[in-house]
């Protein structure tokens, strides 16, 4: 069936549910898992370049720390299930683009990701990375939704 699953995470509880499902599926089918966290590119408007440099270093350092924490959840779950796992943290302005590119580069045959189920104005303003992956990916996507 599937041989290599990509599991993007944003550290949310729903992402953790997608991780558990992906690891279980991988264990049952003998697949390996690649965990991914996309760190947004640093953007800021400030008065004075010294403010930008100081804030940029702190923000990047905090984002890397969060990425390590989020990806450790995938590594731990995979280890407990005896599933081969690697993780990737990358910077990209558009997370959906990174998800699709990493899936292609790693030769994944399934993307397992969470959808927060935003609708209405929130979906319009915040967008849906899951929807964008579904729209642009040539690789199958298994979407884990929040229980109703």
N, C-alpha and C. Protein backbone atom coordinates (compact mmCIF):
# COMPACT_ATOMS: atom_id res chain seq x y z
N UNK A 1 0.85 -1.18 0.00
CA UNK A 1 0.00 0.00 0.00
C UNK A 1 0.89 1.25 0.00
N UNK A 2 0.90 2.03 1.08
CA UNK A 2 1.73 3.23 1.15
C UNK A 2 3.10 2.86 1.71
N UNK A 3 4.13 3.52 1.19
CA UNK A 3 5.49 3.22 1.61
C UNK A 3 6.16 4.36 2.36
N UNK A 4 5.69 5.61 2.12
CA UNK A 4 6.33 6.77 2.74
C UNK A 4 5.29 7.86 2.96
N UNK A 5 5.03 8.18 4.23
CA UNK A 5 4.03 9.18 4.59
C UNK A 5 4.68 10.46 5.04
N UNK A 6 4.18 11.59 4.57
CA UNK A 6 4.60 12.90 5.03
C UNK A 6 3.56 13.40 6.02
N UNK A 7 4.03 13.87 7.19
CA UNK A 7 3.12 14.36 8.22
C UNK A 7 3.53 15.77 8.62
N UNK A 8 2.88 16.79 8.05
CA UNK A 8 3.16 18.16 8.46
C UNK A 8 2.51 18.42 9.82
N UNK A 9 3.18 19.22 10.66
CA UNK A 9 2.62 19.55 11.96
C UNK A 9 2.80 21.03 12.27
N UNK A 10 1.79 21.58 12.94
CA UNK A 10 1.89 22.95 13.43
C UNK A 10 1.90 22.97 14.95
N UNK A 11 2.01 21.79 15.55
CA UNK A 11 2.08 21.69 17.01
C UNK A 11 0.74 21.67 17.70
N UNK A 12 -0.34 21.78 16.97
CA UNK A 12 -1.67 21.81 17.57
C UNK A 12 -2.11 20.41 18.01
N UNK A 13 -3.14 20.37 18.84
CA UNK A 13 -3.69 19.08 19.29
C UNK A 13 -4.20 18.28 18.09
N UNK A 14 -4.78 18.95 17.13
CA UNK A 14 -5.29 18.26 15.95
C UNK A 14 -4.13 17.68 15.12
N UNK A 15 -3.02 18.39 15.04
CA UNK A 15 -1.84 17.86 14.35
C UNK A 15 -1.33 16.62 15.07
N UNK A 16 -1.41 16.62 16.38
CA UNK A 16 -0.98 15.44 17.15
C UNK A 16 -1.86 14.25 16.84
N UNK A 17 -3.14 14.48 16.62
CA UNK A 17 -4.05 13.40 16.24
C UNK A 17 -3.68 12.87 14.85
N UNK A 18 -3.31 13.76 13.94
CA UNK A 18 -2.88 13.34 12.60
C UNK A 18 -1.59 12.53 12.69
N UNK A 19 -0.69 12.93 13.58
CA UNK A 19 0.56 12.20 13.78
C UNK A 19 0.27 10.77 14.24
N UNK A 20 -0.62 10.64 15.23
CA UNK A 20 -0.94 9.31 15.75
C UNK A 20 -1.55 8.43 14.66
N UNK A 21 -2.44 8.99 13.88
CA UNK A 21 -3.05 8.23 12.78
C UNK A 21 -2.02 7.83 11.74
N UNK A 22 -1.15 8.75 11.38
CA UNK A 22 -0.12 8.47 10.37
C UNK A 22 0.84 7.38 10.84
N UNK A 23 1.25 7.45 12.09
CA UNK A 23 2.18 6.45 12.62
C UNK A 23 1.50 5.09 12.68
N UNK A 24 0.25 5.05 13.07
CA UNK A 24 -0.49 3.78 13.11
C UNK A 24 -0.60 3.19 11.70
N UNK A 25 -0.95 4.02 10.74
CA UNK A 25 -1.06 3.58 9.35
C UNK A 25 0.29 3.08 8.83
N UNK A 26 1.35 3.81 9.17
CA UNK A 26 2.70 3.42 8.73
C UNK A 26 3.10 2.08 9.35
N UNK A 27 2.80 1.90 10.63
CA UNK A 27 3.14 0.64 11.30
C UNK A 27 2.40 -0.53 10.67
N UNK A 28 1.14 -0.33 10.35
CA UNK A 28 0.33 -1.40 9.77
C UNK A 28 0.74 -1.75 8.34
N UNK A 29 1.27 -0.77 7.61
CA UNK A 29 1.62 -1.03 6.22
C UNK A 29 3.13 -1.13 5.97
N UNK A 30 3.93 -1.05 7.04
CA UNK A 30 5.38 -1.15 6.89
C UNK A 30 5.99 0.06 6.21
N UNK A 31 5.36 1.19 6.34
CA UNK A 31 5.84 2.43 5.70
C UNK A 31 6.75 3.20 6.65
N UNK A 32 7.45 4.17 6.10
CA UNK A 32 8.22 5.09 6.92
C UNK A 32 7.52 6.44 6.94
N UNK A 33 7.93 7.29 7.88
CA UNK A 33 7.27 8.58 8.08
C UNK A 33 8.31 9.70 8.04
N UNK A 34 7.93 10.78 7.39
CA UNK A 34 8.73 12.00 7.46
C UNK A 34 7.85 13.08 8.09
N UNK A 35 8.35 13.64 9.19
CA UNK A 35 7.65 14.75 9.85
C UNK A 35 8.16 16.06 9.29
N UNK A 36 7.26 17.02 9.17
CA UNK A 36 7.61 18.32 8.60
C UNK A 36 6.99 19.44 9.41
N UNK A 37 7.80 20.45 9.71
CA UNK A 37 7.26 21.69 10.27
C UNK A 37 7.78 22.83 9.40
N UNK A 38 6.86 23.66 8.95
CA UNK A 38 7.22 24.81 8.11
C UNK A 38 7.24 26.06 8.97
N UNK A 39 8.42 26.66 9.04
CA UNK A 39 8.59 27.89 9.81
C UNK A 39 8.31 29.05 8.87
N UNK A 40 7.37 29.92 9.26
CA UNK A 40 7.05 31.05 8.38
C UNK A 40 8.26 31.98 8.25
N UNK A 41 8.39 32.59 7.10
CA UNK A 41 9.47 33.56 6.90
C UNK A 41 9.25 34.77 7.81
N UNK A 42 10.33 35.33 8.31
CA UNK A 42 10.27 36.48 9.21
C UNK A 42 9.90 37.73 8.43
N UNK A 43 8.86 38.40 8.88
CA UNK A 43 8.42 39.65 8.26
C UNK A 43 8.00 40.61 9.38
N UNK A 44 8.45 41.82 9.28
CA UNK A 44 8.10 42.81 10.30
C UNK A 44 8.21 44.21 9.72
N UNK A 45 7.39 45.07 10.23
CA UNK A 45 7.49 46.49 9.93
C UNK A 45 7.91 47.17 11.23
N UNK A 46 9.02 47.90 11.20
CA UNK A 46 9.50 48.54 12.41
C UNK A 46 10.17 49.86 12.06
N UNK A 47 10.31 50.68 13.06
CA UNK A 47 10.99 51.95 12.91
C UNK A 47 12.42 51.77 13.40
N UNK A 48 13.36 51.75 12.50
CA UNK A 48 14.77 51.60 12.88
C UNK A 48 15.27 50.20 12.63
N UNK A 49 16.38 50.09 11.93
CA UNK A 49 16.91 48.77 11.56
C UNK A 49 17.42 47.98 12.76
N UNK A 50 17.88 48.68 13.81
CA UNK A 50 18.38 47.96 14.97
C UNK A 50 17.26 47.17 15.66
N UNK A 51 16.04 47.68 15.61
CA UNK A 51 14.89 46.96 16.17
C UNK A 51 14.64 45.68 15.38
N UNK A 52 14.76 45.74 14.08
CA UNK A 52 14.49 44.59 13.24
C UNK A 52 15.52 43.49 13.49
N UNK A 53 16.80 43.83 13.52
CA UNK A 53 17.84 42.83 13.71
C UNK A 53 17.68 42.11 15.04
N UNK A 54 17.41 42.84 16.11
CA UNK A 54 17.26 42.23 17.43
C UNK A 54 16.03 41.32 17.47
N UNK A 55 14.91 41.79 16.97
CA UNK A 55 13.69 41.00 16.98
C UNK A 55 13.80 39.79 16.06
N UNK A 56 14.43 39.95 14.90
CA UNK A 56 14.54 38.85 13.95
C UNK A 56 15.30 37.67 14.57
N UNK A 57 16.41 37.94 15.24
CA UNK A 57 17.19 36.87 15.87
C UNK A 57 16.37 36.12 16.91
N UNK A 58 15.65 36.86 17.74
CA UNK A 58 14.84 36.22 18.78
C UNK A 58 13.68 35.43 18.20
N UNK A 59 13.04 35.97 17.19
CA UNK A 59 11.91 35.27 16.58
C UNK A 59 12.37 34.00 15.89
N UNK A 60 13.47 34.07 15.16
CA UNK A 60 13.99 32.89 14.46
C UNK A 60 14.40 31.82 15.46
N UNK A 61 15.06 32.22 16.53
CA UNK A 61 15.48 31.26 17.56
C UNK A 61 14.26 30.59 18.21
N UNK A 62 13.25 31.37 18.52
CA UNK A 62 12.03 30.80 19.11
C UNK A 62 11.33 29.87 18.13
N UNK A 63 11.28 30.24 16.86
CA UNK A 63 10.62 29.40 15.85
C UNK A 63 11.36 28.08 15.69
N UNK A 64 12.68 28.09 15.71
CA UNK A 64 13.47 26.85 15.60
C UNK A 64 13.22 25.96 16.82
N UNK A 65 13.13 26.57 17.99
CA UNK A 65 12.86 25.80 19.22
C UNK A 65 11.48 25.12 19.13
N UNK A 66 10.48 25.87 18.69
CA UNK A 66 9.13 25.29 18.51
C UNK A 66 9.16 24.16 17.49
N UNK A 67 9.86 24.36 16.39
CA UNK A 67 9.96 23.32 15.36
C UNK A 67 10.54 22.04 15.94
N UNK A 68 11.61 22.18 16.71
CA UNK A 68 12.23 21.00 17.34
C UNK A 68 11.23 20.28 18.26
N UNK A 69 10.48 21.06 19.03
CA UNK A 69 9.48 20.47 19.94
C UNK A 69 8.39 19.74 19.17
N UNK A 70 7.87 20.37 18.12
CA UNK A 70 6.79 19.76 17.33
C UNK A 70 7.26 18.48 16.64
N UNK A 71 8.46 18.51 16.10
CA UNK A 71 8.98 17.35 15.38
C UNK A 71 9.37 16.22 16.33
N UNK A 72 9.72 16.56 17.57
CA UNK A 72 10.04 15.54 18.57
C UNK A 72 8.81 14.67 18.86
N UNK A 73 7.61 15.24 18.76
CA UNK A 73 6.38 14.47 18.97
C UNK A 73 6.27 13.37 17.92
N UNK A 74 6.60 13.69 16.69
CA UNK A 74 6.55 12.71 15.60
C UNK A 74 7.62 11.63 15.82
N UNK A 75 8.83 12.06 16.14
CA UNK A 75 9.93 11.12 16.36
C UNK A 75 9.59 10.15 17.48
N UNK A 76 9.03 10.66 18.56
CA UNK A 76 8.68 9.81 19.71
C UNK A 76 7.59 8.81 19.35
N UNK A 77 6.54 9.29 18.69
CA UNK A 77 5.43 8.41 18.31
C UNK A 77 5.92 7.31 17.37
N UNK A 78 6.77 7.66 16.42
CA UNK A 78 7.29 6.68 15.47
C UNK A 78 8.18 5.65 16.18
N UNK A 79 9.02 6.12 17.08
CA UNK A 79 9.91 5.21 17.82
C UNK A 79 9.11 4.22 18.64
N UNK A 80 8.06 4.70 19.30
CA UNK A 80 7.21 3.81 20.11
C UNK A 80 6.51 2.76 19.26
N UNK A 81 6.23 3.08 18.01
CA UNK A 81 5.54 2.14 17.12
C UNK A 81 6.51 1.33 16.27
N UNK A 82 7.81 1.60 16.41
CA UNK A 82 8.79 0.88 15.61
C UNK A 82 8.79 1.27 14.15
N UNK A 83 8.45 2.53 13.88
CA UNK A 83 8.36 3.04 12.50
C UNK A 83 9.58 3.90 12.19
N UNK A 84 10.18 3.67 11.03
CA UNK A 84 11.30 4.50 10.60
C UNK A 84 10.82 5.93 10.39
N UNK A 85 11.61 6.90 10.87
CA UNK A 85 11.16 8.29 10.83
C UNK A 85 12.33 9.24 10.64
N UNK A 86 12.11 10.26 9.85
CA UNK A 86 13.02 11.39 9.79
C UNK A 86 12.18 12.66 9.85
N UNK A 87 12.82 13.76 10.17
CA UNK A 87 12.08 15.02 10.31
C UNK A 87 12.80 16.14 9.56
N UNK A 88 12.00 17.11 9.16
CA UNK A 88 12.51 18.26 8.40
C UNK A 88 11.84 19.52 8.92
N UNK A 89 12.65 20.54 9.16
CA UNK A 89 12.13 21.88 9.45
C UNK A 89 12.64 22.78 8.33
N UNK A 90 11.74 23.54 7.76
CA UNK A 90 12.13 24.41 6.65
C UNK A 90 11.42 25.75 6.77
N UNK A 91 12.00 26.77 6.18
CA UNK A 91 11.39 28.11 6.14
C UNK A 91 10.75 28.31 4.79
N UNK A 92 9.53 28.81 4.80
CA UNK A 92 8.85 29.08 3.53
C UNK A 92 7.74 30.09 3.81
N UNK A 93 7.49 30.98 2.89
CA UNK A 93 6.42 31.96 3.03
C UNK A 93 5.05 31.29 2.96
N UNK A 94 4.95 30.24 2.14
CA UNK A 94 3.68 29.55 1.95
C UNK A 94 3.83 28.09 2.39
N UNK A 95 3.31 27.74 3.56
CA UNK A 95 3.47 26.36 4.05
C UNK A 95 3.00 25.29 3.08
N UNK A 96 1.89 25.52 2.39
CA UNK A 96 1.38 24.49 1.47
C UNK A 96 2.40 24.16 0.39
N UNK A 97 3.12 25.18 -0.07
CA UNK A 97 4.14 24.98 -1.10
C UNK A 97 5.28 24.11 -0.57
N UNK A 98 5.68 24.36 0.67
CA UNK A 98 6.74 23.55 1.29
C UNK A 98 6.28 22.12 1.47
N UNK A 99 5.04 21.92 1.89
CA UNK A 99 4.50 20.58 2.10
C UNK A 99 4.54 19.78 0.80
N UNK A 100 4.07 20.38 -0.27
CA UNK A 100 4.04 19.70 -1.57
C UNK A 100 5.46 19.43 -2.06
N UNK A 101 6.36 20.41 -1.94
CA UNK A 101 7.74 20.23 -2.41
C UNK A 101 8.48 19.16 -1.62
N UNK A 102 8.33 19.17 -0.30
CA UNK A 102 9.01 18.15 0.51
C UNK A 102 8.44 16.77 0.20
N UNK A 103 7.14 16.67 0.02
CA UNK A 103 6.54 15.37 -0.34
C UNK A 103 7.13 14.85 -1.64
N UNK A 104 7.30 15.73 -2.62
CA UNK A 104 7.91 15.33 -3.90
C UNK A 104 9.37 14.95 -3.72
N UNK A 105 10.13 15.80 -3.02
CA UNK A 105 11.56 15.56 -2.83
C UNK A 105 11.83 14.26 -2.07
N UNK A 106 11.00 13.97 -1.09
CA UNK A 106 11.19 12.77 -0.26
C UNK A 106 10.53 11.53 -0.86
N UNK A 107 9.88 11.71 -2.00
CA UNK A 107 9.18 10.62 -2.69
C UNK A 107 8.11 9.98 -1.81
N UNK A 108 7.34 10.84 -1.14
CA UNK A 108 6.23 10.37 -0.30
C UNK A 108 5.06 10.00 -1.20
N UNK A 109 4.29 9.02 -0.76
CA UNK A 109 3.13 8.62 -1.55
C UNK A 109 1.81 8.90 -0.84
N UNK A 110 1.88 9.55 0.34
CA UNK A 110 0.68 9.99 1.05
C UNK A 110 1.06 11.13 1.99
N UNK A 111 0.22 12.15 2.01
CA UNK A 111 0.36 13.26 2.97
C UNK A 111 -0.77 13.10 3.97
N UNK A 112 -0.43 13.05 5.26
CA UNK A 112 -1.44 12.96 6.31
C UNK A 112 -1.37 14.26 7.10
N UNK A 113 -2.43 15.05 7.05
CA UNK A 113 -2.40 16.35 7.72
C UNK A 113 -3.74 16.72 8.32
N UNK A 114 -3.67 17.61 9.28
CA UNK A 114 -4.86 18.07 9.98
C UNK A 114 -5.52 19.22 9.23
N UNK A 115 -6.82 19.34 9.45
CA UNK A 115 -7.56 20.50 8.97
C UNK A 115 -8.35 21.05 10.14
N UNK A 116 -8.18 22.32 10.39
CA UNK A 116 -8.84 22.93 11.54
C UNK A 116 -10.30 23.28 11.26
N UNK A 117 -10.72 23.09 10.03
CA UNK A 117 -12.13 23.27 9.69
C UNK A 117 -12.63 24.70 9.78
N UNK A 118 -11.76 25.65 9.49
CA UNK A 118 -12.21 27.05 9.50
C UNK A 118 -13.19 27.28 8.36
N UNK A 119 -14.15 28.13 8.63
CA UNK A 119 -15.11 28.45 7.58
C UNK A 119 -15.44 29.93 7.64
N UNK A 120 -16.17 30.38 6.66
CA UNK A 120 -16.61 31.77 6.64
C UNK A 120 -15.45 32.75 6.55
N UNK A 121 -15.57 33.84 7.30
CA UNK A 121 -14.59 34.91 7.25
C UNK A 121 -13.21 34.45 7.74
N UNK A 122 -13.17 33.58 8.75
CA UNK A 122 -11.88 33.07 9.25
C UNK A 122 -11.14 32.32 8.15
N UNK A 123 -11.84 31.51 7.39
CA UNK A 123 -11.20 30.77 6.30
C UNK A 123 -10.71 31.73 5.22
N UNK A 124 -11.50 32.77 4.95
CA UNK A 124 -11.13 33.74 3.93
C UNK A 124 -9.89 34.53 4.35
N UNK A 125 -9.85 34.96 5.61
CA UNK A 125 -8.73 35.78 6.09
C UNK A 125 -7.48 34.95 6.37
N UNK A 126 -7.65 33.80 7.02
CA UNK A 126 -6.51 32.99 7.41
C UNK A 126 -6.09 32.01 6.32
N UNK A 127 -7.01 31.68 5.45
CA UNK A 127 -6.72 30.70 4.42
C UNK A 127 -6.68 29.31 5.02
N UNK A 128 -6.56 28.34 4.19
CA UNK A 128 -6.47 26.97 4.65
C UNK A 128 -5.31 26.31 3.93
N UNK A 129 -4.27 26.02 4.68
CA UNK A 129 -3.12 25.34 4.08
C UNK A 129 -3.53 23.97 3.58
N UNK A 130 -4.40 23.30 4.32
CA UNK A 130 -4.87 21.97 3.90
C UNK A 130 -5.61 22.06 2.57
N UNK A 131 -6.46 23.05 2.43
CA UNK A 131 -7.20 23.22 1.18
C UNK A 131 -6.25 23.48 0.02
N UNK A 132 -5.21 24.28 0.27
CA UNK A 132 -4.24 24.57 -0.78
C UNK A 132 -3.45 23.31 -1.16
N UNK A 133 -3.10 22.49 -0.16
CA UNK A 133 -2.40 21.23 -0.47
C UNK A 133 -3.32 20.33 -1.28
N UNK A 134 -4.58 20.22 -0.87
CA UNK A 134 -5.54 19.40 -1.61
C UNK A 134 -5.68 19.87 -3.06
N UNK A 135 -5.67 21.17 -3.25
CA UNK A 135 -5.85 21.74 -4.58
C UNK A 135 -4.64 21.54 -5.48
N UNK A 136 -3.44 21.64 -4.92
CA UNK A 136 -2.22 21.66 -5.73
C UNK A 136 -1.42 20.36 -5.74
N UNK A 137 -1.66 19.46 -4.82
CA UNK A 137 -0.84 18.25 -4.71
C UNK A 137 -1.27 17.18 -5.71
N UNK A 138 -0.29 16.50 -6.27
CA UNK A 138 -0.55 15.33 -7.12
C UNK A 138 -0.51 14.05 -6.28
N UNK A 139 -0.09 14.19 -5.02
CA UNK A 139 0.02 13.07 -4.09
C UNK A 139 -1.27 12.99 -3.28
N UNK A 140 -1.79 11.79 -3.01
CA UNK A 140 -3.00 11.68 -2.18
C UNK A 140 -2.81 12.33 -0.81
N UNK A 141 -3.90 12.90 -0.29
CA UNK A 141 -3.88 13.58 1.00
C UNK A 141 -4.97 12.99 1.88
N UNK A 142 -4.58 12.55 3.07
CA UNK A 142 -5.53 12.07 4.07
C UNK A 142 -5.71 13.20 5.08
N UNK A 143 -6.93 13.72 5.19
CA UNK A 143 -7.19 14.86 6.05
C UNK A 143 -7.82 14.39 7.35
N UNK A 144 -7.23 14.81 8.45
CA UNK A 144 -7.75 14.50 9.79
C UNK A 144 -8.49 15.74 10.26
N UNK A 145 -9.79 15.58 10.49
CA UNK A 145 -10.64 16.71 10.87
C UNK A 145 -10.93 16.68 12.35
N UNK A 146 -11.31 17.82 12.87
CA UNK A 146 -11.73 17.94 14.26
C UNK A 146 -13.08 17.24 14.42
N UNK A 147 -13.24 16.43 15.47
CA UNK A 147 -14.53 15.76 15.67
C UNK A 147 -15.67 16.79 15.82
N UNK A 148 -16.80 16.46 15.27
CA UNK A 148 -17.95 17.38 15.32
C UNK A 148 -18.58 17.41 16.69
